[in-house]
Amino acid sequence: MKKVFLALGLLPLLAACADTSQGKLRQAVYDVGSAYHVLANPMPDVMAGNVPGVTLTDTQKAIAKRASQTVFNEIQSLETSIEGGDSITQTAVSALQADFASFETCWAGLKTGTTPDTCAAIGGSK
């Protein structure tokens, strides 16, 4: 969990590396993508029941998968636009950042046995 907070803490610093507004937006997408992969990395082990002290119900697993997939799809869509040379908007990047924050809260809650309202906000349902 400390890795996630460290990754999130570095997001503003990494975004400062870009010079143009599009460059900064693109960097923000890449930064969220990196933070997402750090956060989602243990998901397969948690889902398989291989993490001591963390047990998810089938419903919680389904919620986590939907919530994770929603954020992943947003990242992929924006990265595809970037790779295609298309412009991206601040609105789209802000939506991604908000959904990532909701996913982070949702995933943290699920691992402790609760189902936060933020799960529903990003397609995870409740």
C-alpha atoms as a PDB file:
ATOM      1  CA  MET A   1       0.000   0.000   0.000  1.00  0.00           C
ATOM      2  CA  LYS A   2       2.943   2.294   0.672  1.00  0.00           C
ATOM      3  CA  LYS A   3       3.970   1.901  -2.976  1.00  0.00           C
ATOM      4  CA  VAL A   4       0.603   3.247  -4.098  1.00  0.00           C
ATOM      5  CA  PHE A   5       0.860   6.325  -1.910  1.00  0.00           C
ATOM      6  CA  LEU A   6       4.419   6.875  -3.072  1.00  0.00           C
ATOM      7  CA  ALA A   7       3.329   6.545  -6.695  1.00  0.00           C
ATOM      8  CA  LEU A   8       0.444   8.949  -6.146  1.00  0.00           C
ATOM      9  CA  GLY A   9       2.733  11.383  -4.347  1.00  0.00           C
ATOM     10  CA  LEU A  10       5.056  11.441  -7.340  1.00  0.00           C
ATOM     11  CA  LEU A  11       2.303  12.128  -9.891  1.00  0.00           C
ATOM     12  CA  PRO A  12       2.546  15.934  -9.673  1.00  0.00           C
ATOM     13  CA  LEU A  13       6.331  15.817  -9.987  1.00  0.00           C
ATOM     14  CA  LEU A  14       6.225  13.594 -13.046  1.00  0.00           C
ATOM     15  CA  ALA A  15       3.589  15.721 -14.741  1.00  0.00           C
ATOM     16  CA  ALA A  16       5.856  18.740 -14.352  1.00  0.00           C
ATOM     17  CA  CYS A  17       8.307  17.185 -16.845  1.00  0.00           C
ATOM     18  CA  ALA A  18       6.120  18.019 -19.867  1.00  0.00           C
ATOM     19  CA  ASP A  19       6.355  21.465 -21.486  1.00  0.00           C
ATOM     20  CA  THR A  20       3.098  21.845 -23.445  1.00  0.00           C
ATOM     21  CA  SER A  21      -0.471  21.517 -22.215  1.00  0.00           C
ATOM     22  CA  GLN A  22      -0.935  18.361 -24.323  1.00  0.00           C
ATOM     23  CA  GLY A  23       2.367  17.046 -23.023  1.00  0.00           C
ATOM     24  CA  LYS A  24       1.229  17.581 -19.443  1.00  0.00           C
ATOM     25  CA  LEU A  25      -2.109  15.883 -20.111  1.00  0.00           C
ATOM     26  CA  ARG A  26      -0.373  12.952 -21.749  1.00  0.00           C
ATOM     27  CA  GLN A  27       2.065  12.658 -18.867  1.00  0.00           C
ATOM     28  CA  ALA A  28      -0.848  12.684 -16.422  1.00  0.00           C
ATOM     29  CA  VAL A  29      -2.429   9.758 -18.297  1.00  0.00           C
ATOM     30  CA  TYR A  30       0.827   7.811 -18.186  1.00  0.00           C
ATOM     31  CA  ASP A  31       1.246   8.610 -14.485  1.00  0.00           C
ATOM     32  CA  VAL A  32      -2.255   7.373 -13.639  1.00  0.00           C
ATOM     33  CA  GLY A  33      -1.601   4.285 -15.749  1.00  0.00           C
ATOM     34  CA  SER A  34       1.555   3.550 -13.779  1.00  0.00           C
ATOM     35  CA  ALA A  35      -0.188   4.086 -10.443  1.00  0.00           C
ATOM     36  CA  TYR A  36      -3.063   1.856 -11.602  1.00  0.00           C
ATOM     37  CA  HIS A  37      -0.683  -0.985 -12.445  1.00  0.00           C
ATOM     38  CA  VAL A  38       0.989  -0.713  -9.031  1.00  0.00           C
ATOM     39  CA  LEU A  39      -2.401  -0.773  -7.302  1.00  0.00           C
ATOM     40  CA  ALA A  40      -3.845  -3.585  -9.441  1.00  0.00           C
ATOM     41  CA  ASN A  41      -0.716  -5.759  -9.386  1.00  0.00           C
ATOM     42  CA  PRO A  42      -1.774  -7.877  -6.378  1.00  0.00           C
ATOM     43  CA  MET A  43      -5.362  -8.321  -7.624  1.00  0.00           C
ATOM     44  CA  PRO A  44      -4.848 -11.796  -9.138  1.00  0.00           C
ATOM     45  CA  ASP A  45      -3.330 -13.087  -5.894  1.00  0.00           C
ATOM     46  CA  VAL A  46      -6.119 -11.539  -3.814  1.00  0.00           C
ATOM     47  CA  MET A  47      -8.774 -12.953  -6.143  1.00  0.00           C
ATOM     48  CA  ALA A  48      -7.187 -16.410  -5.911  1.00  0.00           C
ATOM     49  CA  GLY A  49      -7.190 -16.239  -2.107  1.00  0.00           C
ATOM     50  CA  ASN A  50      -3.400 -16.266  -1.920  1.00  0.00           C
ATOM     51  CA  VAL A  51      -3.075 -13.195   0.324  1.00  0.00           C
ATOM     52  CA  PRO A  52      -3.301 -14.055   4.010  1.00  0.00           C
ATOM     53  CA  GLY A  53      -5.953 -12.104   5.859  1.00  0.00           C
ATOM     54  CA  VAL A  54      -7.819 -11.008   2.728  1.00  0.00           C
ATOM     55  CA  THR A  55     -10.870 -12.956   1.650  1.00  0.00           C
ATOM     56  CA  LEU A  56     -13.283 -11.622  -0.950  1.00  0.00           C
ATOM     57  CA  THR A  57     -16.760 -12.942  -1.608  1.00  0.00           C
ATOM     58  CA  ASP A  58     -17.763 -13.737  -5.174  1.00  0.00           C
ATOM     59  CA  THR A  59     -19.780 -10.510  -5.207  1.00  0.00           C
ATOM     60  CA  GLN A  60     -16.784  -8.479  -4.036  1.00  0.00           C
ATOM     61  CA  LYS A  61     -14.594 -10.116  -6.673  1.00  0.00           C
ATOM     62  CA  ALA A  62     -17.105  -9.184  -9.370  1.00  0.00           C
ATOM     63  CA  ILE A  63     -17.255  -5.602  -8.091  1.00  0.00           C
ATOM     64  CA  ALA A  64     -13.452  -5.339  -8.047  1.00  0.00           C
ATOM     65  CA  LYS A  65     -13.175  -6.726 -11.576  1.00  0.00           C
ATOM     66  CA  ARG A  66     -15.779  -4.305 -12.973  1.00  0.00           C
ATOM     67  CA  ALA A  67     -14.277  -1.318 -11.182  1.00  0.00           C
ATOM     68  CA  SER A  68     -10.766  -2.221 -12.278  1.00  0.00           C
ATOM     69  CA  GLN A  69     -11.867  -2.824 -15.862  1.00  0.00           C
ATOM     70  CA  THR A  70     -13.587   0.569 -15.987  1.00  0.00           C
ATOM     71  CA  VAL A  71     -10.382   2.385 -15.030  1.00  0.00           C
ATOM     72  CA  PHE A  72      -8.258   0.178 -17.273  1.00  0.00           C
ATOM     73  CA  ASN A  73     -10.550   0.911 -20.239  1.00  0.00           C
ATOM     74  CA  GLU A  74     -10.280   4.657 -19.628  1.00  0.00           C
ATOM     75  CA  ILE A  75      -6.495   4.457 -19.502  1.00  0.00           C
ATOM     76  CA  GLN A  76      -6.381   2.355 -22.673  1.00  0.00           C
ATOM     77  CA  SER A  77      -8.702   4.711 -24.520  1.00  0.00           C
ATOM     78  CA  LEU A  78      -6.644   7.774 -23.665  1.00  0.00           C
ATOM     79  CA  GLU A  79      -3.357   5.998 -24.423  1.00  0.00           C
ATOM     80  CA  THR A  80      -4.744   4.910 -27.800  1.00  0.00           C
ATOM     81  CA  SER A  81      -5.665   8.522 -28.559  1.00  0.00           C
ATOM     82  CA  ILE A  82      -2.195   9.671 -27.532  1.00  0.00           C
ATOM     83  CA  GLU A  83      -0.499   7.002 -29.655  1.00  0.00           C
ATOM     84  CA  GLY A  84      -2.698   8.011 -32.580  1.00  0.00           C
ATOM     85  CA  GLY A  85      -1.534  11.602 -32.269  1.00  0.00           C
ATOM     86  CA  ASP A  86      -4.964  12.824 -31.201  1.00  0.00           C
ATOM     87  CA  SER A  87      -5.436  15.586 -28.666  1.00  0.00           C
ATOM     88  CA  ILE A  88      -6.849  14.702 -25.289  1.00  0.00           C
ATOM     89  CA  THR A  89      -8.849  16.992 -23.052  1.00  0.00           C
ATOM     90  CA  GLN A  90      -8.422  18.103 -19.476  1.00  0.00           C
ATOM     91  CA  THR A  91     -11.964  16.886 -18.852  1.00  0.00           C
ATOM     92  CA  ALA A  92     -11.076  13.342 -19.922  1.00  0.00           C
ATOM     93  CA  VAL A  93      -7.899  13.322 -17.843  1.00  0.00           C
ATOM     94  CA  SER A  94      -9.723  14.718 -14.806  1.00  0.00           C
ATOM     95  CA  ALA A  95     -12.399  12.038 -15.174  1.00  0.00           C
ATOM     96  CA  LEU A  96      -9.691   9.370 -15.309  1.00  0.00           C
ATOM     97  CA  GLN A  97      -8.006  10.765 -12.207  1.00  0.00           C
ATOM     98  CA  ALA A  98     -11.316  10.857 -10.319  1.00  0.00           C
ATOM     99  CA  ASP A  99     -12.181   7.310 -11.372  1.00  0.00           C
ATOM    100  CA  PHE A 100      -8.732   6.105 -10.362  1.00  0.00           C
ATOM    101  CA  ALA A 101      -9.157   7.689  -6.926  1.00  0.00           C
ATOM    102  CA  SER A 102     -12.560   6.002  -6.616  1.00  0.00           C
ATOM    103  CA  PHE A 103     -11.063   2.669  -7.672  1.00  0.00           C
ATOM    104  CA  GLU A 104      -8.292   3.056  -5.110  1.00  0.00           C
ATOM    105  CA  THR A 105     -10.858   3.634  -2.342  1.00  0.00           C
ATOM    106  CA  CYS A 106     -13.076   0.832  -3.612  1.00  0.00           C
ATOM    107  CA  TRP A 107     -10.237  -1.701  -3.796  1.00  0.00           C
ATOM    108  CA  ALA A 108      -8.913  -0.733  -0.354  1.00  0.00           C
ATOM    109  CA  GLY A 109     -12.383  -1.146   1.129  1.00  0.00           C
ATOM    110  CA  LEU A 110     -13.040  -4.479  -0.545  1.00  0.00           C
ATOM    111  CA  LYS A 111      -9.803  -5.864   0.839  1.00  0.00           C
ATOM    112  CA  THR A 112     -10.943  -4.967   4.355  1.00  0.00           C
ATOM    113  CA  GLY A 113     -14.373  -6.543   3.900  1.00  0.00           C
ATOM    114  CA  THR A 114     -16.433  -3.437   3.124  1.00  0.00           C
ATOM    115  CA  THR A 115     -17.924  -2.224  -0.127  1.00  0.00           C
ATOM    116  CA  PRO A 116     -17.482   1.565  -0.308  1.00  0.00           C
ATOM    117  CA  ASP A 117     -19.960   3.723  -2.212  1.00  0.00           C
ATOM    118  CA  THR A 118     -17.132   4.677  -4.564  1.00  0.00           C
ATOM    119  CA  CYS A 119     -17.345   1.199  -6.070  1.00  0.00           C
ATOM    120  CA  ALA A 120     -20.706   2.112  -7.602  1.00  0.00           C
ATOM    121  CA  ALA A 121     -19.334   5.420  -8.860  1.00  0.00           C
ATOM    122  CA  ILE A 122     -16.933   3.662 -11.241  1.00  0.00           C
ATOM    123  CA  GLY A 123     -19.122   0.862 -12.475  1.00  0.00           C
ATOM    124  CA  GLY A 124     -18.285  -1.601  -9.745  1.00  0.00           C
ATOM    125  CA  SER A 125     -21.817  -1.559  -8.354  1.00  0.00           C
ATOM    126  CA  LYS A 126     -22.566  -2.091  -4.690  1.00  0.00           C
END
